[in-house]
Amino acid sequence: MNRPATRRSYATRVERVVAHLADHLDQPLPLEQLAAIGHFSPFHFHRIYRGLMGETVADTLRRMRLHRAAVELVHGRHTLETIAYRCGYGSGAAFNRAFAQAYGMPPGAFRRRQDHAIQAPSCPDHAIPEDAIMYEVRIETLPSRHVAALRHVGPYHQIGGAFGRLAAWAAGQGMRPGQQRSFGIYYDDPESKPAGELVADACIEVATEQTVDGDVRTATIAGGRHAVLVHTGPYAELERPYRWLFGEWLPASGEEAADTPVFEEYLNDPQALPPAEWRTAICVPLK
């Protein structure tokens, strides 16, 4: 698929998801179902959606529900409590704050006003600033990697604890510190769910005959074609290249992400270098 056609295809598929959201505001909308509607891999759907829309799926739903609430306030007979509940707010106070932020006045005042013109809350401006950083992306065929993996559930910035435990395990197996290639497998977009529910694996490459025990397990990082972006700097800055990679490069690339998760390879030792020199390869699997 050529590059302009790919961008149009991505936009059309995301529009299909948005239309589904609008038609099912009161139903459960799991991300896996939305990914299937847009024909995206569930591992990458939310990053692509957020990159193209400039907001999360939850943000889109909030805007749509608040717009419906505004219409009901003017033209309907539901109580404020009922409207708040239909918007997904557990309390009137939370609904009042959200509505006032979107429409400039609390819902009671909005209902009493004489002007009945109703506009939807504005979409975020996600145009790329002229001074935005651009990155180099290479398409590489990577080998499969046999790894020892330790599961981390929680905020991604806390995965260092899992890497520390994995390093201690490796030392107990007689492996020399810093001699194994290290990877992080990230199964979720960090803005797609509460931080406490995010899932990742801390990994180090090991021999295929390596035995494991306890919470450490073996896994394979699939090889094949990958888009590879190398970022230099603190790990806390990785969100910026991720956003550019999924929101700008991928839709314009002529490529489709494969149905396996993104992973990072840590190319130098963060214990021996200052954060400004840390090098991270973000690897997105491609079909």
Protein backbone atom coordinates (compact mmCIF):
# COMPACT_ATOMS: atom_id res chain seq x y z
CA MET A 1 0.00 0.00 0.00
CA ASN A 2 1.42 3.41 -0.93
CA ARG A 3 1.91 6.06 1.73
CA PRO A 4 -1.01 8.42 0.98
CA ALA A 5 -3.34 5.43 0.71
CA THR A 6 -2.10 4.13 4.06
CA ARG A 7 -2.83 7.43 5.81
CA ARG A 8 -6.32 7.54 4.28
CA SER A 9 -6.89 3.93 5.32
CA TYR A 10 -5.82 4.60 8.91
CA ALA A 11 -8.04 7.70 9.07
CA THR A 12 -11.04 5.84 7.63
CA ARG A 13 -10.63 2.97 10.08
CA VAL A 14 -10.34 5.33 13.04
CA GLU A 15 -13.46 7.18 11.82
CA ARG A 16 -15.27 3.83 11.82
CA VAL A 17 -14.29 3.39 15.48
CA VAL A 18 -15.48 6.91 16.34
CA ALA A 19 -18.83 6.23 14.65
CA HIS A 20 -19.19 3.05 16.69
CA LEU A 21 -18.48 4.98 19.88
CA ALA A 22 -21.17 7.52 19.00
CA ASP A 23 -23.73 4.76 18.43
CA HIS A 24 -22.94 2.83 21.63
CA LEU A 25 -22.40 5.46 24.33
CA ASP A 26 -24.19 3.40 26.98
CA GLN A 27 -22.54 0.06 26.26
CA PRO A 28 -19.22 -1.45 27.39
CA LEU A 29 -16.59 -0.65 24.78
CA PRO A 30 -13.48 -2.78 25.42
CA LEU A 31 -10.41 -1.73 23.46
CA GLU A 32 -10.08 -5.20 21.91
CA GLN A 33 -13.54 -4.81 20.35
CA LEU A 34 -12.75 -1.32 19.06
CA ALA A 35 -9.45 -2.55 17.60
CA ALA A 36 -11.33 -5.26 15.70
CA ILE A 37 -13.82 -2.71 14.35
CA GLY A 38 -10.92 -0.65 12.99
CA HIS A 39 -8.97 -3.73 11.85
CA PHE A 40 -5.99 -2.82 14.02
CA SER A 41 -3.85 -5.04 16.22
CA PRO A 42 -5.06 -4.69 19.83
CA PHE A 43 -1.44 -4.20 20.87
CA HIS A 44 -1.14 -1.00 18.82
CA PHE A 45 -4.68 0.28 18.30
CA HIS A 46 -4.82 2.76 21.15
CA ARG A 47 -1.47 4.35 20.35
CA ILE A 48 -2.56 4.82 16.73
CA TYR A 49 -5.96 6.17 17.80
CA ARG A 50 -4.39 8.60 20.24
CA GLY A 51 -1.83 9.70 17.66
CA LEU A 52 -4.44 10.43 15.00
CA MET A 53 -7.18 11.83 17.25
CA GLY A 54 -5.00 13.73 19.71
CA GLU A 55 -6.88 12.18 22.63
CA THR A 56 -7.62 8.82 24.23
CA VAL A 57 -10.71 6.72 23.55
CA ALA A 58 -11.89 7.65 27.04
CA ASP A 59 -11.51 11.35 26.16
CA THR A 60 -13.60 10.90 23.01
CA LEU A 61 -16.32 9.10 24.96
CA ARG A 62 -16.32 11.85 27.58
CA ARG A 63 -16.78 14.54 24.93
CA MET A 64 -19.59 12.65 23.23
CA ARG A 65 -21.42 11.96 26.46
CA LEU A 66 -21.11 15.58 27.59
CA HIS A 67 -22.54 16.73 24.26
CA ARG A 68 -25.48 14.36 24.68
CA ALA A 69 -25.90 15.71 28.20
CA ALA A 70 -26.03 19.28 26.86
CA VAL A 71 -28.77 18.30 24.40
CA GLU A 72 -30.75 16.54 27.12
CA LEU A 73 -30.43 19.52 29.45
CA VAL A 74 -32.03 21.80 26.88
CA HIS A 75 -34.48 19.50 25.12
CA GLY A 76 -35.06 16.65 27.57
CA ARG A 77 -36.74 16.12 30.92
CA HIS A 78 -34.19 13.96 32.71
CA THR A 79 -33.04 15.14 36.12
CA LEU A 80 -29.46 16.31 36.57
CA GLU A 81 -28.74 13.15 38.54
CA THR A 82 -29.98 10.93 35.70
CA ILE A 83 -28.01 12.85 33.10
CA ALA A 84 -24.87 12.64 35.24
CA TYR A 85 -25.33 8.87 35.58
CA ARG A 86 -25.82 8.46 31.82
CA CYS A 87 -22.56 10.34 31.32
CA GLY A 88 -20.73 7.85 33.51
CA TYR A 89 -20.20 10.09 36.53
CA GLY A 90 -20.73 8.60 39.97
CA SER A 91 -21.56 11.92 41.58
CA GLY A 92 -23.31 15.12 40.62
CA ALA A 93 -20.32 17.15 41.76
CA ALA A 94 -17.96 15.37 39.35
CA PHE A 95 -20.44 15.82 36.50
CA ASN A 96 -20.88 19.51 37.35
CA ARG A 97 -17.12 20.09 37.22
CA ALA A 98 -16.66 18.25 33.92
CA PHE A 99 -19.64 19.94 32.28
CA ALA A 100 -18.59 23.39 33.45
CA GLN A 101 -15.09 22.82 32.10
CA ALA A 102 -16.50 21.82 28.69
CA TYR A 103 -19.30 24.42 28.40
CA GLY A 104 -18.19 27.28 30.61
CA MET A 105 -21.08 27.00 33.08
CA PRO A 106 -22.60 24.35 35.37
CA PRO A 107 -25.37 22.15 33.95
CA GLY A 108 -28.13 23.87 35.94
CA ALA A 109 -27.24 27.27 34.49
CA PHE A 110 -26.91 25.73 31.02
CA ARG A 111 -30.46 24.36 31.28
CA ARG A 112 -31.87 27.77 32.34
CA ARG A 113 -30.20 29.84 29.64
CA GLN A 114 -32.26 31.29 26.77
CA ASP A 115 -29.81 30.55 23.94
CA HIS A 116 -30.47 26.99 22.81
CA ALA A 117 -27.55 26.70 20.39
CA ILE A 118 -25.53 23.63 21.42
CA GLN A 119 -22.03 22.94 20.21
CA ALA A 120 -20.05 19.81 20.94
CA PRO A 121 -16.95 20.25 23.13
CA SER A 122 -14.03 21.02 20.85
CA CYS A 123 -11.61 18.34 19.76
CA PRO A 124 -8.00 18.80 20.84
CA ASP A 125 -5.60 20.48 18.45
CA HIS A 126 -3.08 17.78 17.60
CA ALA A 127 -1.30 19.49 14.73
CA ILE A 128 2.45 18.93 14.89
CA PRO A 129 4.32 22.07 15.98
CA GLU A 130 6.70 23.44 13.39
CA ASP A 131 9.62 22.89 15.77
CA ALA A 132 8.62 19.30 16.61
CA ILE A 133 11.45 16.79 16.82
CA MET A 134 11.60 14.37 13.89
CA TYR A 135 13.19 10.97 14.29
CA GLU A 136 14.97 8.50 12.06
CA VAL A 137 13.16 5.19 11.59
CA ARG A 138 14.80 2.17 10.01
CA ILE A 139 12.99 -0.95 8.83
CA GLU A 140 15.06 -3.92 9.93
CA THR A 141 14.64 -7.68 9.92
CA LEU A 142 15.40 -8.68 13.50
CA PRO A 143 16.18 -12.19 14.76
CA SER A 144 14.03 -13.92 17.34
CA ARG A 145 15.34 -13.61 20.88
CA HIS A 146 15.12 -16.28 23.58
CA VAL A 147 14.76 -14.46 26.87
CA ALA A 148 14.23 -14.90 30.57
CA ALA A 149 11.27 -12.72 31.51
CA LEU A 150 9.84 -11.31 34.71
CA ARG A 151 6.31 -9.90 34.63
CA HIS A 152 5.67 -6.34 35.83
CA VAL A 153 2.16 -5.05 36.52
CA GLY A 154 1.85 -1.36 37.29
CA PRO A 155 3.22 1.98 36.09
CA TYR A 156 5.81 1.48 33.40
CA HIS A 157 8.29 3.83 35.03
CA GLN A 158 8.50 1.36 37.93
CA ILE A 159 9.68 -1.57 35.80
CA GLY A 160 13.22 -0.96 37.07
CA GLY A 161 12.34 -3.04 40.13
CA ALA A 162 11.60 -6.03 37.91
CA PHE A 163 14.89 -5.54 36.06
CA GLY A 164 16.70 -5.42 39.41
CA ARG A 165 15.14 -8.72 40.51
CA LEU A 166 15.96 -10.24 37.12
CA ALA A 167 19.59 -9.12 37.44
CA ALA A 168 19.79 -10.75 40.88
CA TRP A 169 18.38 -13.97 39.44
CA ALA A 170 20.89 -13.86 36.57
CA ALA A 171 23.77 -13.38 39.01
CA GLY A 172 22.58 -16.46 40.88
CA GLN A 173 22.78 -18.37 37.60
CA GLY A 174 26.40 -17.35 37.17
CA MET A 175 25.77 -14.77 34.45
CA ARG A 176 28.09 -11.78 34.43
CA PRO A 177 26.36 -8.41 35.03
CA GLY A 178 25.80 -6.37 31.88
CA GLN A 179 26.71 -9.20 29.49
CA GLN A 180 23.14 -10.04 28.46
CA ARG A 181 21.07 -7.96 26.06
CA SER A 182 18.08 -6.50 27.86
CA PHE A 183 14.59 -5.84 26.57
CA GLY A 184 11.26 -4.56 27.80
CA ILE A 185 8.01 -5.85 26.26
CA TYR A 186 5.09 -3.44 26.69
CA TYR A 187 1.60 -4.79 26.11
CA ASP A 188 -0.44 -1.61 26.64
CA ASP A 189 -0.52 2.04 25.68
CA PRO A 190 0.15 3.68 29.08
CA GLU A 191 -2.80 6.06 28.51
CA SER A 192 -5.27 3.29 27.68
CA LYS A 193 -5.98 2.10 31.21
CA PRO A 194 -5.20 2.88 34.88
CA ALA A 195 -1.47 2.79 35.58
CA GLY A 196 -1.91 -0.02 38.10
CA GLU A 197 -3.25 -2.32 35.36
CA LEU A 198 -0.46 -1.87 32.81
CA VAL A 199 1.42 -5.06 31.88
CA ALA A 200 5.04 -5.41 30.78
CA ASP A 201 7.87 -7.95 30.86
CA ALA A 202 11.45 -7.20 31.90
CA CYS A 203 13.69 -9.50 29.84
CA ILE A 204 17.30 -10.52 29.31
CA GLU A 205 18.55 -12.71 26.49
CA VAL A 206 19.60 -16.21 27.60
CA ALA A 207 20.70 -19.43 25.98
CA THR A 208 17.91 -21.68 24.74
CA GLU A 209 18.94 -24.38 27.23
CA GLN A 210 18.78 -21.97 30.19
CA THR A 211 16.57 -23.26 33.01
CA VAL A 212 14.40 -20.88 35.00
CA ASP A 213 12.62 -20.98 38.33
CA GLY A 214 10.28 -19.00 40.55
CA ASP A 215 8.62 -16.02 38.88
CA VAL A 216 11.17 -16.01 36.06
CA ARG A 217 9.96 -17.71 32.89
CA THR A 218 11.29 -18.15 29.38
CA ALA A 219 9.77 -16.36 26.41
CA THR A 220 10.52 -15.60 22.78
CA ILE A 221 10.57 -12.12 21.30
CA ALA A 222 9.41 -12.74 17.75
CA GLY A 223 11.75 -11.78 14.94
CA GLY A 224 10.86 -10.40 11.53
CA ARG A 225 10.40 -6.95 10.04
CA HIS A 226 10.36 -4.12 12.55
CA ALA A 227 10.32 -0.35 12.49
CA VAL A 228 13.20 0.69 14.75
CA LEU A 229 13.59 4.14 16.26
CA VAL A 230 16.61 4.77 18.50
CA HIS A 231 16.07 7.42 21.16
CA THR A 232 18.95 8.96 23.12
CA GLY A 233 18.04 10.42 26.49
CA PRO A 234 16.21 9.59 29.74
CA TYR A 235 13.57 6.88 29.68
CA ALA A 236 11.08 9.46 30.96
CA GLU A 237 11.27 11.15 27.52
CA LEU A 238 10.24 8.06 25.55
CA GLU A 239 6.59 9.10 25.30
CA ARG A 240 7.52 11.77 22.72
CA PRO A 241 9.07 9.40 20.14
CA TYR A 242 6.30 6.86 20.77
CA ARG A 243 3.65 9.48 20.02
CA TRP A 244 5.43 10.57 16.84
CA LEU A 245 6.07 6.99 15.72
CA PHE A 246 2.44 5.85 16.03
CA GLY A 247 0.70 9.12 15.25
CA GLU A 248 2.82 10.38 12.36
CA TRP A 249 5.33 7.90 10.98
CA LEU A 250 3.26 4.71 10.94
CA PRO A 251 0.11 6.10 9.25
CA ALA A 252 2.29 7.73 6.57
CA SER A 253 4.73 4.85 6.14
CA GLY A 254 2.84 2.46 3.90
CA GLU A 255 3.24 -0.13 6.68
CA GLU A 256 0.91 -1.99 9.05
CA ALA A 257 1.82 -3.03 12.57
CA ALA A 258 1.82 -6.79 13.17
CA ASP A 259 -0.20 -8.45 15.91
CA THR A 260 2.62 -8.69 18.44
CA PRO A 261 3.56 -6.13 21.11
CA VAL A 262 6.07 -3.34 20.84
CA PHE A 263 9.36 -3.89 22.66
CA GLU A 264 12.36 -1.84 23.64
CA GLU A 265 16.01 -2.85 23.64
CA TYR A 266 18.31 -0.98 26.02
CA LEU A 267 21.49 -0.44 24.06
CA ASN A 268 23.82 0.68 26.84
CA ASP A 269 24.15 0.39 30.61
CA PRO A 270 22.11 3.01 32.51
CA GLN A 271 24.17 2.28 35.63
CA ALA A 272 27.37 3.42 33.92
CA LEU A 273 26.14 6.47 32.00
CA PRO A 274 24.20 9.67 32.70
CA PRO A 275 20.53 9.69 31.56
CA ALA A 276 21.31 12.03 28.65
CA GLU A 277 23.35 9.21 27.07
CA TRP A 278 20.92 6.32 27.54
CA ARG A 279 20.06 4.74 24.18
CA THR A 280 16.76 2.90 23.66
CA ALA A 281 15.62 1.13 20.48
CA ILE A 282 11.83 1.20 20.16
CA CYS A 283 10.88 -1.77 17.97
CA VAL A 284 7.45 -1.99 16.35
CA PRO A 285 6.67 -5.30 14.59
CA LEU A 286 5.46 -4.94 11.00
CA LYS A 287 3.43 -7.23 8.77
